[in-house]
Amino acid sequence: MQASRNVHSNILSTIGNTPMIKLQKIVDGFPCPVFAKVEYFNPGHSVKDRMALRMMEDAEEKGLLKPGGTVIECTSGNTGMGLALACAVKGYKLICTMSDKQSKEKIDILKAMGAEVHVCPTSVEADHPNSYYSVAKRCQEENPNSFWCNQYDNLSNQEAHYASTGPEIWEQTEGRITHFVVGVGTGGTISGTGRYLKDQNPDVQIWGIDSYGSVLKKYHETGEFDENEIYPYITEGVGEDILPANVDFETIDHFEKVTDKDGALTARELARKEGLFLGYSCGSTFQGLRQLKNRLDPTDLVVCLFHDHGSRYVGKVYNDEWMASHGWL
């Protein structure tokens, strides 16, 4: 039986070819159509499945990941899930390091998939020995026959999106896309997808969504890495306190910052108005677009990429008590 008949030899061949959905009620007042590229249709329920598999396959090809080896990664949860799927199929052990601001659901899912999970403090600098970056590096040093994916600087991350996400969006919009909007963390999705779209049409605008407490927007606008921009924030999967190699600042036309509160409220709004049960960063992505809607005109066609599924945030964004504890309800 063949995959073309929707029969697959394993779960990994179901990654990609996610649907695009035209938004309806929530875009009332927008001058142009807005489509959502909904990445929770991937088997690991997030866009990160694409690059997780690509990083592992590239490492295998280069001899960096050998049979019986251990895969190591620092993750906000979604990359870890993509790696867990691939490790289960390919027979590798997985070690994930995570910051303690990530949802309990993400941590529990990775453990359920067989990963060893180290939870690290959020409120330390990236070079602190207890940061999730430093702990991942230490795990690699302590585990022979291991491969640290390092999604922040591993260019296989953005190449996965140049090879799949970008071509899918171009085909689905029949080349009519004028704006691509997505939350930025490691930078792989926006850089790979954006680079592909600009290679087809240099006029396509690439808008990145950032968080308050992140350095990306100011660095893009001034070239200055300002440590005063760094402070703890709640939003998961958007913004950074470092400059990942995968953030191609030349490809990105604009960064827009969104507050923790607005991202959370908008995620809930998307669920109730569009029937899309999405992750926290997806709310930030659409809210960022909404803040920029006056830049759009009737001839435009916008695509927002929504990273992941809301099931990983039921204890946070979709929990009224949690929302009320922050004064957001």
C-alpha atoms as a PDB file:
ATOM      1  CA  MET A   1       0.000   0.000   0.000  1.00  0.00           C
ATOM      2  CA  GLN A   2       1.238   3.486  -0.858  1.00  0.00           C
ATOM      3  CA  ALA A   3       1.378   6.783   1.045  1.00  0.00           C
ATOM      4  CA  SER A   4      -0.405   8.424  -1.882  1.00  0.00           C
ATOM      5  CA  ARG A   5      -3.511   6.520  -0.737  1.00  0.00           C
ATOM      6  CA  ASN A   6      -3.083   8.056   2.728  1.00  0.00           C
ATOM      7  CA  VAL A   7      -1.482   4.878   4.022  1.00  0.00           C
ATOM      8  CA  HIS A   8       1.932   5.423   5.588  1.00  0.00           C
ATOM      9  CA  SER A   9       4.838   3.183   6.564  1.00  0.00           C
ATOM     10  CA  ASN A  10       5.312   5.158   9.805  1.00  0.00           C
ATOM     11  CA  ILE A  11       4.118   8.325  11.512  1.00  0.00           C
ATOM     12  CA  LEU A  12       6.975  10.480  10.177  1.00  0.00           C
ATOM     13  CA  SER A  13       5.704  10.513   6.595  1.00  0.00           C
ATOM     14  CA  THR A  14       2.542  12.277   7.789  1.00  0.00           C
ATOM     15  CA  ILE A  15       4.512  15.423   8.665  1.00  0.00           C
ATOM     16  CA  GLY A  16       3.679  18.466   6.531  1.00  0.00           C
ATOM     17  CA  ASN A  17       1.023  19.276   3.926  1.00  0.00           C
ATOM     18  CA  THR A  18      -1.068  20.984   6.585  1.00  0.00           C
ATOM     19  CA  PRO A  19      -4.302  22.769   5.633  1.00  0.00           C
ATOM     20  CA  MET A  20      -4.871  26.470   5.132  1.00  0.00           C
ATOM     21  CA  ILE A  21      -8.096  27.875   6.546  1.00  0.00           C
ATOM     22  CA  LYS A  22      -9.704  31.205   5.715  1.00  0.00           C
ATOM     23  CA  LEU A  23     -10.472  33.187   8.877  1.00  0.00           C
ATOM     24  CA  GLN A  24     -14.003  34.553   9.129  1.00  0.00           C
ATOM     25  CA  LYS A  25     -15.436  36.283  12.208  1.00  0.00           C
ATOM     26  CA  ILE A  26     -12.213  37.386  13.877  1.00  0.00           C
ATOM     27  CA  VAL A  27     -11.096  39.344  10.799  1.00  0.00           C
ATOM     28  CA  ASP A  28     -14.190  41.520  10.695  1.00  0.00           C
ATOM     29  CA  GLY A  29     -12.929  44.987   9.799  1.00  0.00           C
ATOM     30  CA  PHE A  30      -9.843  43.754   7.942  1.00  0.00           C
ATOM     31  CA  PRO A  31      -9.538  45.101   4.378  1.00  0.00           C
ATOM     32  CA  CYS A  32      -8.299  41.818   2.885  1.00  0.00           C
ATOM     33  CA  PRO A  33      -8.564  38.040   3.286  1.00  0.00           C
ATOM     34  CA  VAL A  34      -6.531  36.378   6.026  1.00  0.00           C
ATOM     35  CA  PHE A  35      -5.675  32.675   5.958  1.00  0.00           C
ATOM     36  CA  ALA A  36      -4.318  30.478   8.735  1.00  0.00           C
ATOM     37  CA  LYS A  37      -1.700  27.825   8.040  1.00  0.00           C
ATOM     38  CA  VAL A  38      -2.722  25.472  10.853  1.00  0.00           C
ATOM     39  CA  GLU A  39       0.278  23.445  11.936  1.00  0.00           C
ATOM     40  CA  TYR A  40      -1.395  21.433  14.679  1.00  0.00           C
ATOM     41  CA  PHE A  41      -2.432  19.003  11.949  1.00  0.00           C
ATOM     42  CA  ASN A  42       1.117  17.627  12.079  1.00  0.00           C
ATOM     43  CA  PRO A  43       1.318  14.338  14.039  1.00  0.00           C
ATOM     44  CA  GLY A  44       3.086  15.978  16.985  1.00  0.00           C
ATOM     45  CA  HIS A  45       0.520  18.804  16.845  1.00  0.00           C
ATOM     46  CA  SER A  46       2.986  21.559  15.980  1.00  0.00           C
ATOM     47  CA  VAL A  47       5.091  23.095  13.228  1.00  0.00           C
ATOM     48  CA  LYS A  48       8.209  21.851  15.009  1.00  0.00           C
ATOM     49  CA  ASP A  49       7.745  18.323  13.664  1.00  0.00           C
ATOM     50  CA  ARG A  50       9.088  19.563  10.328  1.00  0.00           C
ATOM     51  CA  MET A  51      12.453  20.753  11.558  1.00  0.00           C
ATOM     52  CA  ALA A  52      12.846  18.097  14.269  1.00  0.00           C
ATOM     53  CA  LEU A  53      12.853  15.389  11.614  1.00  0.00           C
ATOM     54  CA  ARG A  54      15.089  17.413   9.287  1.00  0.00           C
ATOM     55  CA  MET A  55      17.685  18.037  12.020  1.00  0.00           C
ATOM     56  CA  MET A  56      17.834  14.322  12.837  1.00  0.00           C
ATOM     57  CA  GLU A  57      18.011  13.204   9.208  1.00  0.00           C
ATOM     58  CA  ASP A  58      20.777  15.705   8.426  1.00  0.00           C
ATOM     59  CA  ALA A  59      22.703  14.568  11.516  1.00  0.00           C
ATOM     60  CA  GLU A  60      22.366  10.932  10.451  1.00  0.00           C
ATOM     61  CA  GLU A  61      23.605  11.756   6.969  1.00  0.00           C
ATOM     62  CA  LYS A  62      26.653  13.587   8.360  1.00  0.00           C
ATOM     63  CA  GLY A  63      27.471  10.772  10.805  1.00  0.00           C
ATOM     64  CA  LEU A  64      26.738  12.959  13.837  1.00  0.00           C
ATOM     65  CA  LEU A  65      23.887  10.731  15.010  1.00  0.00           C
ATOM     66  CA  LYS A  66      24.658   7.022  15.103  1.00  0.00           C
ATOM     67  CA  PRO A  67      22.509   3.932  15.822  1.00  0.00           C
ATOM     68  CA  GLY A  68      21.679   3.550  19.512  1.00  0.00           C
ATOM     69  CA  GLY A  69      22.606   7.168  20.181  1.00  0.00           C
ATOM     70  CA  THR A  70      21.024   9.858  22.328  1.00  0.00           C
ATOM     71  CA  VAL A  71      19.346  12.992  20.996  1.00  0.00           C
ATOM     72  CA  ILE A  72      19.558  16.079  23.237  1.00  0.00           C
ATOM     73  CA  GLU A  73      17.652  19.334  22.880  1.00  0.00           C
ATOM     74  CA  CYS A  74      16.616  22.437  24.806  1.00  0.00           C
ATOM     75  CA  THR A  75      12.972  23.021  23.970  1.00  0.00           C
ATOM     76  CA  SER A  76       9.823  24.895  24.915  1.00  0.00           C
ATOM     77  CA  GLY A  77       8.063  21.570  24.360  1.00  0.00           C
ATOM     78  CA  ASN A  78       7.027  21.381  20.733  1.00  0.00           C
ATOM     79  CA  THR A  79      10.434  20.590  19.269  1.00  0.00           C
ATOM     80  CA  GLY A  80      10.809  17.981  21.970  1.00  0.00           C
ATOM     81  CA  MET A  81       7.584  16.339  20.863  1.00  0.00           C
ATOM     82  CA  GLY A  82       8.693  16.275  17.226  1.00  0.00           C
ATOM     83  CA  LEU A  83      11.991  14.725  18.273  1.00  0.00           C
ATOM     84  CA  ALA A  84      10.184  12.222  20.503  1.00  0.00           C
ATOM     85  CA  LEU A  85       8.171  10.949  17.532  1.00  0.00           C
ATOM     86  CA  ALA A  86      11.285  10.555  15.416  1.00  0.00           C
ATOM     87  CA  CYS A  87      13.275   8.962  18.245  1.00  0.00           C
ATOM     88  CA  ALA A  88      10.518   6.423  18.861  1.00  0.00           C
ATOM     89  CA  VAL A  89      10.484   5.408  15.201  1.00  0.00           C
ATOM     90  CA  LYS A  90      14.255   5.447  14.736  1.00  0.00           C
ATOM     91  CA  GLY A  91      15.257   3.915  18.085  1.00  0.00           C
ATOM     92  CA  TYR A  92      17.112   6.760  19.796  1.00  0.00           C
ATOM     93  CA  LYS A  93      17.030   7.923  23.415  1.00  0.00           C
ATOM     94  CA  LEU A  94      15.859  11.523  23.983  1.00  0.00           C
ATOM     95  CA  ILE A  95      16.909  14.036  26.655  1.00  0.00           C
ATOM     96  CA  CYS A  96      15.082  17.384  26.766  1.00  0.00           C
ATOM     97  CA  THR A  97      15.858  20.473  28.822  1.00  0.00           C
ATOM     98  CA  MET A  98      13.004  22.927  29.401  1.00  0.00           C
ATOM     99  CA  SER A  99      12.463  26.189  31.266  1.00  0.00           C
ATOM    100  CA  ASP A 100      10.120  26.121  34.236  1.00  0.00           C
ATOM    101  CA  LYS A 101       7.675  28.560  32.597  1.00  0.00           C
ATOM    102  CA  GLN A 102       6.542  25.876  30.156  1.00  0.00           C
ATOM    103  CA  SER A 103       3.164  24.293  30.758  1.00  0.00           C
ATOM    104  CA  LYS A 104       2.877  21.098  32.805  1.00  0.00           C
ATOM    105  CA  GLU A 105       1.117  19.495  29.839  1.00  0.00           C
ATOM    106  CA  LYS A 106       4.207  19.884  27.659  1.00  0.00           C
ATOM    107  CA  ILE A 107       6.469  18.344  30.284  1.00  0.00           C
ATOM    108  CA  ASP A 108       4.100  15.437  30.936  1.00  0.00           C
ATOM    109  CA  ILE A 109       3.658  14.696  27.222  1.00  0.00           C
ATOM    110  CA  LEU A 110       7.404  14.412  26.691  1.00  0.00           C
ATOM    111  CA  LYS A 111       7.756  12.083  29.661  1.00  0.00           C
ATOM    112  CA  ALA A 112       4.869   9.997  28.316  1.00  0.00           C
ATOM    113  CA  MET A 113       6.775   9.669  25.033  1.00  0.00           C
ATOM    114  CA  GLY A 114       9.788   8.294  26.880  1.00  0.00           C
ATOM    115  CA  ALA A 115      11.940  11.410  27.069  1.00  0.00           C
ATOM    116  CA  GLU A 116      14.147  12.263  30.023  1.00  0.00           C
ATOM    117  CA  VAL A 117      13.208  15.837  30.967  1.00  0.00           C
ATOM    118  CA  HIS A 118      15.288  18.364  32.929  1.00  0.00           C
ATOM    119  CA  VAL A 119      13.304  21.433  34.069  1.00  0.00           C
ATOM    120  CA  CYS A 120      15.503  24.522  34.460  1.00  0.00           C
ATOM    121  CA  PRO A 121      14.890  28.018  35.893  1.00  0.00           C
ATOM    122  CA  THR A 122      13.631  30.671  33.466  1.00  0.00           C
ATOM    123  CA  SER A 123      14.960  33.683  35.358  1.00  0.00           C
ATOM    124  CA  VAL A 124      18.668  33.107  34.697  1.00  0.00           C
ATOM    125  CA  GLU A 125      20.867  34.343  31.865  1.00  0.00           C
ATOM    126  CA  ALA A 126      21.511  32.066  28.902  1.00  0.00           C
ATOM    127  CA  ASP A 127      25.136  31.452  29.961  1.00  0.00           C
ATOM    128  CA  HIS A 128      24.180  30.577  33.561  1.00  0.00           C
ATOM    129  CA  PRO A 129      25.121  26.955  34.390  1.00  0.00           C
ATOM    130  CA  ASN A 130      21.498  26.170  35.252  1.00  0.00           C
ATOM    131  CA  SER A 131      19.927  27.645  32.102  1.00  0.00           C
ATOM    132  CA  TYR A 132      18.318  25.151  29.806  1.00  0.00           C
ATOM    133  CA  TYR A 133      20.941  25.957  27.149  1.00  0.00           C
ATOM    134  CA  SER A 134      23.815  25.169  29.545  1.00  0.00           C
ATOM    135  CA  VAL A 135      22.178  22.019  30.893  1.00  0.00           C
ATOM    136  CA  ALA A 136      21.677  20.685  27.347  1.00  0.00           C
ATOM    137  CA  LYS A 137      25.345  21.301  26.570  1.00  0.00           C
ATOM    138  CA  ARG A 138      26.352  19.543  29.788  1.00  0.00           C
ATOM    139  CA  CYS A 139      24.117  16.566  28.971  1.00  0.00           C
ATOM    140  CA  GLN A 140      25.903  16.222  25.643  1.00  0.00           C
ATOM    141  CA  GLU A 141      29.300  16.223  27.365  1.00  0.00           C
ATOM    142  CA  GLU A 142      28.132  13.577  29.846  1.00  0.00           C
ATOM    143  CA  ASN A 143      26.521  11.232  27.303  1.00  0.00           C
ATOM    144  CA  PRO A 144      28.793   9.511  24.780  1.00  0.00           C
ATOM    145  CA  ASN A 145      27.308   8.846  21.331  1.00  0.00           C
ATOM    146  CA  SER A 146      24.947  11.807  21.704  1.00  0.00           C
ATOM    147  CA  PHE A 147      23.854  14.599  19.386  1.00  0.00           C
ATOM    148  CA  TRP A 148      22.677  18.016  20.593  1.00  0.00           C
ATOM    149  CA  CYS A 149      20.283  19.332  17.957  1.00  0.00           C
ATOM    150  CA  ASN A 150      20.675  23.000  19.024  1.00  0.00           C
ATOM    151  CA  GLN A 151      17.646  24.243  17.103  1.00  0.00           C
ATOM    152  CA  TYR A 152      18.689  27.860  17.688  1.00  0.00           C
ATOM    153  CA  ASP A 153      21.852  27.636  15.611  1.00  0.00           C
ATOM    154  CA  ASN A 154      21.353  24.468  13.545  1.00  0.00           C
ATOM    155  CA  LEU A 155      20.511  25.721  10.057  1.00  0.00           C
ATOM    156  CA  SER A 156      18.680  22.474   9.265  1.00  0.00           C
ATOM    157  CA  ASN A 157      15.875  24.167  11.220  1.00  0.00           C
ATOM    158  CA  GLN A 158      15.245  26.886   8.647  1.00  0.00           C
ATOM    159  CA  GLU A 159      16.085  24.590   5.716  1.00  0.00           C
ATOM    160  CA  ALA A 160      13.144  22.374   6.725  1.00  0.00           C
ATOM    161  CA  HIS A 161      10.814  25.325   6.183  1.00  0.00           C
ATOM    162  CA  TYR A 162      12.491  26.439   2.965  1.00  0.00           C
ATOM    163  CA  ALA A 163      11.902  22.917   1.626  1.00  0.00           C
ATOM    164  CA  SER A 164       8.332  22.365   2.868  1.00  0.00           C
ATOM    165  CA  THR A 165       6.423  25.160   4.623  1.00  0.00           C
ATOM    166  CA  GLY A 166       7.286  27.866   2.098  1.00  0.00           C
ATOM    167  CA  PRO A 167       6.425  25.810  -1.013  1.00  0.00           C
ATOM    168  CA  GLU A 168       3.153  24.648   0.561  1.00  0.00           C
ATOM    169  CA  ILE A 169       2.050  28.223   1.297  1.00  0.00           C
ATOM    170  CA  TRP A 170       3.054  29.430  -2.160  1.00  0.00           C
ATOM    171  CA  GLU A 171       1.087  26.629  -3.804  1.00  0.00           C
ATOM    172  CA  GLN A 172      -1.955  26.958  -1.530  1.00  0.00           C
ATOM    173  CA  THR A 173      -2.251  30.697  -2.228  1.00  0.00           C
ATOM    174  CA  GLU A 174      -1.482  30.192  -5.942  1.00  0.00           C
ATOM    175  CA  GLY A 175       1.364  32.666  -5.533  1.00  0.00           C
ATOM    176  CA  ARG A 176      -0.961  35.470  -4.379  1.00  0.00           C
ATOM    177  CA  ILE A 177       0.398  35.806  -0.833  1.00  0.00           C
ATOM    178  CA  THR A 178       1.511  39.355   0.016  1.00  0.00           C
ATOM    179  CA  HIS A 179       2.200  39.034   3.772  1.00  0.00           C
ATOM    180  CA  PHE A 180       3.473  36.182   5.940  1.00  0.00           C
ATOM    181  CA  VAL A 181       3.024  36.592   9.708  1.00  0.00           C
ATOM    182  CA  VAL A 182       4.421  34.266  12.393  1.00  0.00           C
ATOM    183  CA  GLY A 183       5.754  34.282  15.938  1.00  0.00           C
ATOM    184  CA  VAL A 184       9.554  34.224  16.199  1.00  0.00           C
ATOM    185  CA  GLY A 185      11.536  32.123  18.650  1.00  0.00           C
ATOM    186  CA  THR A 186      14.416  30.129  17.197  1.00  0.00           C
ATOM    187  CA  GLY A 187      13.755  31.882  13.877  1.00  0.00           C
ATOM    188  CA  GLY A 188      13.675  28.777  11.723  1.00  0.00           C
ATOM    189  CA  THR A 189      10.054  29.030  10.611  1.00  0.00           C
ATOM    190  CA  ILE A 190      10.083  32.702   9.667  1.00  0.00           C
ATOM    191  CA  SER A 191      13.538  32.606   8.077  1.00  0.00           C
ATOM    192  CA  GLY A 192      13.141  29.464   5.990  1.00  0.00           C
ATOM    193  CA  THR A 193       9.564  30.149   4.943  1.00  0.00           C
ATOM    194  CA  GLY A 194      10.213  33.850   4.412  1.00  0.00           C
ATOM    195  CA  ARG A 195      13.317  33.234   2.329  1.00  0.00           C
ATOM    196  CA  TYR A 196      11.432  30.821   0.071  1.00  0.00           C
ATOM    197  CA  LEU A 197       8.532  33.234  -0.395  1.00  0.00           C
ATOM    198  CA  LYS A 198      10.863  36.139  -1.189  1.00  0.00           C
ATOM    199  CA  ASP A 199      12.713  33.968  -3.690  1.00  0.00           C
ATOM    200  CA  GLN A 200       9.389  33.605  -5.518  1.00  0.00           C
ATOM    201  CA  ASN A 201       8.361  37.249  -5.055  1.00  0.00           C
ATOM    202  CA  PRO A 202      10.710  39.746  -3.356  1.00  0.00           C
ATOM    203  CA  ASP A 203       7.738  42.009  -2.547  1.00  0.00           C
ATOM    204  CA  VAL A 204       6.186  39.541  -0.068  1.00  0.00           C
ATOM    205  CA  GLN A 205       6.277  41.137   3.384  1.00  0.00           C
ATOM    206  CA  ILE A 206       7.593  38.996   6.235  1.00  0.00           C
ATOM    207  CA  TRP A 207       6.324  40.112   9.648  1.00  0.00           C
ATOM    208  CA  GLY A 208       7.657  38.560  12.853  1.00  0.00           C
ATOM    209  CA  ILE A 209       5.819  38.632  16.166  1.00  0.00           C
ATOM    210  CA  ASP A 210       7.916  39.228  19.283  1.00  0.00           C
ATOM    211  CA  SER A 211       7.275  39.434  23.028  1.00  0.00           C
ATOM    212  CA  TYR A 212       7.975  42.180  25.546  1.00  0.00           C
ATOM    213  CA  GLY A 213      11.063  40.933  27.381  1.00  0.00           C
ATOM    214  CA  SER A 214      12.725  39.788  24.142  1.00  0.00           C
ATOM    215  CA  VAL A 215      15.654  41.358  22.283  1.00  0.00           C
ATOM    216  CA  LEU A 216      14.627  40.573  18.692  1.00  0.00           C
ATOM    217  CA  LYS A 217      12.649  43.663  17.679  1.00  0.00           C
ATOM    218  CA  LYS A 218      15.157  46.212  18.967  1.00  0.00           C
ATOM    219  CA  TYR A 219      18.099  44.326  17.463  1.00  0.00           C
ATOM    220  CA  HIS A 220      16.325  44.225  14.084  1.00  0.00           C
ATOM    221  CA  GLU A 221      15.678  47.967  14.167  1.00  0.00           C
ATOM    222  CA  THR A 222      18.948  49.235  15.662  1.00  0.00           C
ATOM    223  CA  GLY A 223      21.546  46.475  15.427  1.00  0.00           C
ATOM    224  CA  GLU A 224      21.995  46.758  19.189  1.00  0.00           C
ATOM    225  CA  PHE A 225      21.772  43.780  21.544  1.00  0.00           C
ATOM    226  CA  ASP A 226      20.255  45.542  24.541  1.00  0.00           C
ATOM    227  CA  GLU A 227      20.304  43.504  27.746  1.00  0.00           C
ATOM    228  CA  ASN A 228      17.911  46.037  29.279  1.00  0.00           C
ATOM    229  CA  GLU A 229      15.248  44.629  26.947  1.00  0.00           C
ATOM    230  CA  ILE A 230      15.489  41.246  28.683  1.00  0.00           C
ATOM    231  CA  TYR A 231      13.102  40.431  31.515  1.00  0.00           C
ATOM    232  CA  PRO A 232      10.881  37.451  32.353  1.00  0.00           C
ATOM    233  CA  TYR A 233       7.643  37.092  30.412  1.00  0.00           C
ATOM    234  CA  ILE A 234       4.903  34.492  30.291  1.00  0.00           C
ATOM    235  CA  THR A 235       4.249  33.852  26.588  1.00  0.00           C
ATOM    236  CA  GLU A 236       5.678  30.520  25.427  1.00  0.00           C
ATOM    237  CA  GLY A 237       7.480  30.022  22.124  1.00  0.00           C
ATOM    238  CA  VAL A 238       7.841  33.665  21.053  1.00  0.00           C
ATOM    239  CA  GLY A 239      10.803  35.952  21.703  1.00  0.00           C
ATOM    240  CA  GLU A 240      14.389  35.294  22.795  1.00  0.00           C
ATOM    241  CA  ASP A 241      17.062  36.570  25.175  1.00  0.00           C
ATOM    242  CA  ILE A 242      19.735  35.504  22.690  1.00  0.00           C
ATOM    243  CA  LEU A 243      20.298  36.008  18.946  1.00  0.00           C
ATOM    244  CA  PRO A 244      19.818  32.582  17.336  1.00  0.00           C
ATOM    245  CA  ALA A 245      21.727  31.945  14.106  1.00  0.00           C
ATOM    246  CA  ASN A 246      18.422  30.854  12.573  1.00  0.00           C
ATOM    247  CA  VAL A 247      16.927  34.358  12.798  1.00  0.00           C
ATOM    248  CA  ASP A 248      17.668  35.825   9.372  1.00  0.00           C
ATOM    249  CA  PHE A 249      17.098  39.492  10.155  1.00  0.00           C
ATOM    250  CA  GLU A 250      17.568  40.502   6.506  1.00  0.00           C
ATOM    251  CA  THR A 251      14.604  38.343   5.436  1.00  0.00           C
ATOM    252  CA  ILE A 252      12.288  39.850   8.056  1.00  0.00           C
ATOM    253  CA  ASP A 253      10.673  43.181   7.179  1.00  0.00           C
ATOM    254  CA  HIS A 254       9.135  44.078  10.531  1.00  0.00           C
ATOM    255  CA  PHE A 255       8.841  42.884  14.126  1.00  0.00           C
ATOM    256  CA  GLU A 256       5.744  43.601  16.208  1.00  0.00           C
ATOM    257  CA  LYS A 257       5.630  43.102  19.975  1.00  0.00           C
ATOM    258  CA  VAL A 258       2.548  41.707  21.723  1.00  0.00           C
ATOM    259  CA  THR A 259       1.850  41.642  25.457  1.00  0.00           C
ATOM    260  CA  ASP A 260       1.365  38.400  27.398  1.00  0.00           C
ATOM    261  CA  LYS A 261      -2.203  39.425  28.176  1.00  0.00           C
ATOM    262  CA  ASP A 262      -3.190  40.216  24.593  1.00  0.00           C
ATOM    263  CA  GLY A 263      -1.699  36.972  23.289  1.00  0.00           C
ATOM    264  CA  ALA A 264      -3.642  34.911  25.835  1.00  0.00           C
ATOM    265  CA  LEU A 265      -6.945  36.692  25.274  1.00  0.00           C
ATOM    266  CA  THR A 266      -6.607  36.424  21.495  1.00  0.00           C
ATOM    267  CA  ALA A 267      -5.912  32.682  21.646  1.00  0.00           C
ATOM    268  CA  ARG A 268      -9.183  32.255  23.534  1.00  0.00           C
ATOM    269  CA  GLU A 269     -10.940  34.496  21.016  1.00  0.00           C
ATOM    270  CA  LEU A 270      -9.705  32.392  18.091  1.00  0.00           C
ATOM    271  CA  ALA A 271     -11.122  29.276  19.734  1.00  0.00           C
ATOM    272  CA  ARG A 272     -14.546  30.796  20.299  1.00  0.00           C
ATOM    273  CA  LYS A 273     -14.890  32.678  17.028  1.00  0.00           C
ATOM    274  CA  GLU A 274     -13.106  30.393  14.563  1.00  0.00           C
ATOM    275  CA  GLY A 275     -13.232  26.983  16.221  1.00  0.00           C
ATOM    276  CA  LEU A 276      -9.442  26.842  16.198  1.00  0.00           C
ATOM    277  CA  PHE A 277      -8.101  25.485  19.496  1.00  0.00           C
ATOM    278  CA  LEU A 278      -4.602  26.943  19.298  1.00  0.00           C
ATOM    279  CA  GLY A 279      -1.512  27.442  21.393  1.00  0.00           C
ATOM    280  CA  TYR A 280      -0.548  30.591  23.284  1.00  0.00           C
ATOM    281  CA  SER A 281       1.843  31.919  20.623  1.00  0.00           C
ATOM    282  CA  CYS A 282      -0.892  31.658  17.980  1.00  0.00           C
ATOM    283  CA  GLY A 283      -2.876  34.250  19.894  1.00  0.00           C
ATOM    284  CA  SER A 284       0.192  36.482  19.879  1.00  0.00           C
ATOM    285  CA  THR A 285       0.610  35.972  16.142  1.00  0.00           C
ATOM    286  CA  PHE A 286      -2.913  37.046  15.289  1.00  0.00           C
ATOM    287  CA  GLN A 287      -2.886  39.904  17.795  1.00  0.00           C
ATOM    288  CA  GLY A 288       0.317  41.193  16.203  1.00  0.00           C
ATOM    289  CA  LEU A 289      -1.363  41.135  12.798  1.00  0.00           C
ATOM    290  CA  ARG A 290      -4.388  42.922  14.232  1.00  0.00           C
ATOM    291  CA  GLN A 291      -2.111  45.682  15.532  1.00  0.00           C
ATOM    292  CA  LEU A 292      -0.784  46.093  11.982  1.00  0.00           C
ATOM    293  CA  LYS A 293      -4.020  45.826  10.012  1.00  0.00           C
ATOM    294  CA  ASN A 294      -3.956  49.510   9.045  1.00  0.00           C
ATOM    295  CA  ARG A 295      -0.934  48.695   6.867  1.00  0.00           C
ATOM    296  CA  LEU A 296      -3.030  46.342   4.716  1.00  0.00           C
ATOM    297  CA  ASP A 297      -5.142  47.114   1.653  1.00  0.00           C
ATOM    298  CA  PRO A 298      -7.871  45.240  -0.262  1.00  0.00           C
ATOM    299  CA  THR A 299      -5.461  43.717  -2.791  1.00  0.00           C
ATOM    300  CA  ASP A 300      -3.440  41.936  -0.091  1.00  0.00           C
ATOM    301  CA  LEU A 301      -3.586  38.284   0.938  1.00  0.00           C
ATOM    302  CA  VAL A 302      -2.229  37.486   4.398  1.00  0.00           C
ATOM    303  CA  VAL A 303      -1.131  34.122   5.767  1.00  0.00           C
ATOM    304  CA  CYS A 304      -0.641  33.663   9.511  1.00  0.00           C
ATOM    305  CA  LEU A 305       1.136  30.502  10.584  1.00  0.00           C
ATOM    306  CA  PHE A 306      -0.327  29.051  13.775  1.00  0.00           C
ATOM    307  CA  HIS A 307       2.299  26.919  15.498  1.00  0.00           C
ATOM    308  CA  ASP A 308       0.525  24.439  17.734  1.00  0.00           C
ATOM    309  CA  HIS A 309      -2.562  23.031  19.467  1.00  0.00           C
ATOM    310  CA  GLY A 310      -4.336  24.391  22.518  1.00  0.00           C
ATOM    311  CA  SER A 311      -4.314  21.096  24.428  1.00  0.00           C
ATOM    312  CA  ARG A 312      -0.855  21.984  25.758  1.00  0.00           C
ATOM    313  CA  TYR A 313      -2.209  25.132  27.432  1.00  0.00           C
ATOM    314  CA  VAL A 314      -5.404  23.965  29.141  1.00  0.00           C
ATOM    315  CA  GLY A 315      -3.838  24.650  32.526  1.00  0.00           C
ATOM    316  CA  LYS A 316      -2.896  28.183  31.506  1.00  0.00           C
ATOM    317  CA  VAL A 317      -4.483  30.190  28.697  1.00  0.00           C
ATOM    318  CA  TYR A 318      -7.689  28.139  28.670  1.00  0.00           C
ATOM    319  CA  ASN A 319      -7.993  27.996  32.459  1.00  0.00           C
ATOM    320  CA  ASP A 320     -10.130  30.818  33.877  1.00  0.00           C
ATOM    321  CA  GLU A 321      -8.486  30.639  37.302  1.00  0.00           C
ATOM    322  CA  TRP A 322      -5.002  30.975  35.786  1.00  0.00           C
ATOM    323  CA  MET A 323      -6.129  33.894  33.644  1.00  0.00           C
ATOM    324  CA  ALA A 324      -7.778  35.577  36.633  1.00  0.00           C
ATOM    325  CA  SER A 325      -4.620  35.101  38.730  1.00  0.00           C
ATOM    326  CA  HIS A 326      -2.852  37.399  36.268  1.00  0.00           C
ATOM    327  CA  GLY A 327      -5.698  39.904  36.259  1.00  0.00           C
ATOM    328  CA  TRP A 328      -6.649  39.103  32.671  1.00  0.00           C
ATOM    329  CA  LEU A 329     -10.249  38.063  33.338  1.00  0.00           C
END
